[in-house]
């Protein structure tokens, strides 16, 4: 089951992407579009960090199982 942190990160990313899409669709000024792009970048960094934490957790779990089987 997803954690509250996962839900928070994905929600922020979704909001950033839809905000960017809205800016593009309405033909917003470049400054507004650039700000929306920056928000996507920040959110994407959080998503990437979350994925890396989950990978590390998976790898640690796999290593522990391996040690128990030996």
N, C-alpha and C. Protein backbone atom coordinates (compact mmCIF):
# COMPACT_ATOMS: atom_id res chain seq x y z
N UNK A 1 0.85 -1.17 0.00
CA UNK A 1 0.00 0.00 0.00
C UNK A 1 0.90 1.25 0.00
N UNK A 2 0.58 2.21 -0.84
CA UNK A 2 1.41 3.42 -0.91
C UNK A 2 1.42 4.19 0.41
N UNK A 3 2.56 4.74 0.72
CA UNK A 3 2.68 5.55 1.93
C UNK A 3 2.12 6.95 1.69
N UNK A 4 1.93 7.67 2.77
CA UNK A 4 1.48 9.06 2.66
C UNK A 4 2.49 9.88 1.88
N UNK A 5 3.78 9.57 2.05
CA UNK A 5 4.83 10.29 1.32
C UNK A 5 4.70 10.06 -0.18
N UNK A 6 4.45 8.81 -0.57
CA UNK A 6 4.28 8.49 -1.99
C UNK A 6 3.09 9.26 -2.55
N UNK A 7 1.99 9.24 -1.85
CA UNK A 7 0.79 9.97 -2.30
C UNK A 7 1.07 11.47 -2.44
N UNK A 8 1.78 12.02 -1.46
CA UNK A 8 2.07 13.46 -1.47
C UNK A 8 2.93 13.82 -2.68
N UNK A 9 3.99 13.05 -2.90
CA UNK A 9 4.93 13.33 -3.99
C UNK A 9 4.22 13.22 -5.34
N UNK A 10 3.44 12.17 -5.51
CA UNK A 10 2.75 11.98 -6.79
C UNK A 10 1.67 13.02 -7.02
N UNK A 11 1.01 13.43 -5.95
CA UNK A 11 -0.01 14.48 -6.09
C UNK A 11 0.64 15.79 -6.53
N UNK A 12 1.74 16.15 -5.89
CA UNK A 12 2.44 17.38 -6.27
C UNK A 12 2.93 17.34 -7.71
N UNK A 13 3.43 16.17 -8.13
CA UNK A 13 3.89 16.03 -9.51
C UNK A 13 2.72 16.19 -10.47
N UNK A 14 1.60 15.55 -10.17
CA UNK A 14 0.42 15.66 -11.03
C UNK A 14 -0.08 17.09 -11.13
N UNK A 15 -0.10 17.78 -10.01
CA UNK A 15 -0.53 19.18 -10.01
C UNK A 15 0.43 20.03 -10.84
N UNK A 16 1.72 19.78 -10.73
CA UNK A 16 2.71 20.54 -11.49
C UNK A 16 2.54 20.31 -13.00
N UNK A 17 2.33 19.06 -13.39
CA UNK A 17 2.18 18.75 -14.81
C UNK A 17 0.90 19.36 -15.37
N UNK A 18 -0.19 19.25 -14.64
CA UNK A 18 -1.44 19.82 -15.15
C UNK A 18 -1.38 21.35 -15.16
N UNK A 19 -0.67 21.92 -14.20
CA UNK A 19 -0.48 23.36 -14.21
C UNK A 19 0.30 23.83 -15.42
N UNK A 20 1.33 23.08 -15.75
CA UNK A 20 2.13 23.38 -16.94
C UNK A 20 1.28 23.24 -18.20
N UNK A 21 0.53 22.16 -18.26
CA UNK A 21 -0.35 21.94 -19.42
C UNK A 21 -1.34 23.10 -19.58
N UNK A 22 -1.91 23.54 -18.47
CA UNK A 22 -2.84 24.67 -18.52
C UNK A 22 -2.16 25.92 -19.06
N UNK A 23 -0.95 26.17 -18.61
CA UNK A 23 -0.20 27.35 -19.09
C UNK A 23 0.02 27.28 -20.60
N UNK A 24 0.43 26.13 -21.05
CA UNK A 24 0.70 25.96 -22.48
C UNK A 24 -0.60 26.12 -23.28
N UNK A 25 -1.65 25.47 -22.83
CA UNK A 25 -2.93 25.49 -23.55
C UNK A 25 -3.51 26.90 -23.66
N UNK A 26 -3.35 27.69 -22.60
CA UNK A 26 -3.93 29.03 -22.63
C UNK A 26 -2.99 30.07 -23.25
N UNK A 27 -1.80 29.63 -23.63
CA UNK A 27 -0.85 30.56 -24.23
C UNK A 27 -0.34 31.59 -23.24
N UNK A 28 -0.04 31.12 -22.04
CA UNK A 28 0.43 32.01 -20.98
C UNK A 28 1.76 32.67 -21.37
N UNK A 29 2.08 33.77 -20.72
CA UNK A 29 3.37 34.43 -20.96
C UNK A 29 4.53 33.48 -20.63
N UNK A 30 5.65 33.71 -21.28
CA UNK A 30 6.82 32.86 -21.11
C UNK A 30 7.24 32.74 -19.65
N UNK A 31 7.16 33.82 -18.91
CA UNK A 31 7.55 33.80 -17.50
C UNK A 31 6.71 32.80 -16.70
N UNK A 32 5.41 32.78 -16.97
CA UNK A 32 4.51 31.86 -16.28
C UNK A 32 4.80 30.40 -16.67
N UNK A 33 5.05 30.19 -17.96
CA UNK A 33 5.38 28.84 -18.44
C UNK A 33 6.71 28.39 -17.84
N UNK A 34 7.69 29.27 -17.78
CA UNK A 34 8.98 28.92 -17.20
C UNK A 34 8.85 28.56 -15.72
N UNK A 35 8.01 29.28 -15.01
CA UNK A 35 7.77 28.98 -13.60
C UNK A 35 7.14 27.60 -13.46
N UNK A 36 6.17 27.29 -14.33
CA UNK A 36 5.52 25.99 -14.30
C UNK A 36 6.51 24.88 -14.62
N UNK A 37 7.41 25.12 -15.57
CA UNK A 37 8.45 24.14 -15.91
C UNK A 37 9.37 23.90 -14.71
N UNK A 38 9.71 24.96 -14.02
CA UNK A 38 10.57 24.82 -12.84
C UNK A 38 9.88 23.99 -11.76
N UNK A 39 8.58 24.17 -11.61
CA UNK A 39 7.83 23.38 -10.63
C UNK A 39 7.83 21.90 -11.02
N UNK A 40 7.72 21.62 -12.32
CA UNK A 40 7.80 20.23 -12.79
C UNK A 40 9.17 19.66 -12.45
N UNK A 41 10.21 20.42 -12.71
CA UNK A 41 11.56 19.95 -12.42
C UNK A 41 11.75 19.61 -10.96
N UNK A 42 11.26 20.48 -10.09
CA UNK A 42 11.39 20.24 -8.65
C UNK A 42 10.58 19.00 -8.25
N UNK A 43 9.39 18.89 -8.77
CA UNK A 43 8.54 17.73 -8.45
C UNK A 43 9.14 16.45 -8.99
N UNK A 44 9.69 16.51 -10.19
CA UNK A 44 10.30 15.33 -10.78
C UNK A 44 11.51 14.88 -9.97
N UNK A 45 12.24 15.83 -9.43
CA UNK A 45 13.37 15.49 -8.57
C UNK A 45 12.89 14.74 -7.33
N UNK A 46 11.77 15.17 -6.77
CA UNK A 46 11.20 14.48 -5.61
C UNK A 46 10.75 13.07 -5.97
N UNK A 47 10.13 12.92 -7.15
CA UNK A 47 9.69 11.59 -7.61
C UNK A 47 10.91 10.69 -7.78
N UNK A 48 11.94 11.21 -8.41
CA UNK A 48 13.17 10.44 -8.63
C UNK A 48 13.79 10.02 -7.30
N UNK A 49 13.83 10.92 -6.34
CA UNK A 49 14.38 10.59 -5.02
C UNK A 49 13.55 9.51 -4.33
N UNK A 50 12.24 9.59 -4.47
CA UNK A 50 11.36 8.58 -3.90
C UNK A 50 11.65 7.21 -4.52
N UNK A 51 11.79 7.18 -5.84
CA UNK A 51 12.08 5.91 -6.53
C UNK A 51 13.41 5.34 -6.05
N UNK A 52 14.40 6.19 -5.89
CA UNK A 52 15.72 5.74 -5.42
C UNK A 52 15.62 5.17 -4.01
N UNK A 53 14.83 5.81 -3.14
CA UNK A 53 14.66 5.28 -1.78
C UNK A 53 13.99 3.91 -1.81
N UNK A 54 12.99 3.77 -2.67
CA UNK A 54 12.30 2.48 -2.79
C UNK A 54 13.23 1.40 -3.34
N UNK A 55 14.05 1.76 -4.31
CA UNK A 55 15.03 0.80 -4.86
C UNK A 55 16.01 0.35 -3.78
N UNK A 56 16.49 1.30 -3.01
CA UNK A 56 17.43 0.97 -1.93
C UNK A 56 16.77 0.04 -0.92
N UNK A 57 15.53 0.32 -0.60
CA UNK A 57 14.79 -0.51 0.34
C UNK A 57 14.63 -1.93 -0.22
N UNK A 58 14.29 -2.02 -1.51
CA UNK A 58 14.14 -3.32 -2.18
C UNK A 58 15.46 -4.08 -2.16
N UNK A 59 16.54 -3.39 -2.50
CA UNK A 59 17.86 -4.03 -2.55
C UNK A 59 18.29 -4.52 -1.17
N UNK A 60 18.03 -3.72 -0.15
CA UNK A 60 18.37 -4.12 1.22
C UNK A 60 17.56 -5.34 1.63
N UNK A 61 16.31 -5.34 1.27
CA UNK A 61 15.43 -6.46 1.60
C UNK A 61 15.89 -7.73 0.89
N UNK A 62 16.27 -7.60 -0.37
CA UNK A 62 16.75 -8.75 -1.15
C UNK A 62 18.05 -9.30 -0.56
N UNK A 63 18.93 -8.41 -0.14
CA UNK A 63 20.20 -8.85 0.44
C UNK A 63 19.97 -9.57 1.76
N UNK A 64 19.04 -9.08 2.56
CA UNK A 64 18.75 -9.72 3.83
C UNK A 64 18.15 -11.11 3.63
N UNK A 65 17.27 -11.25 2.63
CA UNK A 65 16.68 -12.55 2.33
C UNK A 65 17.76 -13.52 1.87
N UNK A 66 18.69 -13.02 1.07
CA UNK A 66 19.79 -13.86 0.57
C UNK A 66 20.63 -14.38 1.73
N UNK A 67 20.92 -13.52 2.67
CA UNK A 67 21.74 -13.91 3.83
C UNK A 67 21.01 -14.95 4.66
N UNK A 68 19.70 -14.82 4.80
CA UNK A 68 18.93 -15.79 5.59
C UNK A 68 18.87 -17.15 4.91
N UNK A 69 18.91 -17.16 3.58
CA UNK A 69 18.84 -18.41 2.85
C UNK A 69 20.17 -19.15 2.86
N UNK A 70 21.26 -18.43 3.08
CA UNK A 70 22.60 -19.06 3.08
C UNK A 70 22.86 -19.86 4.31
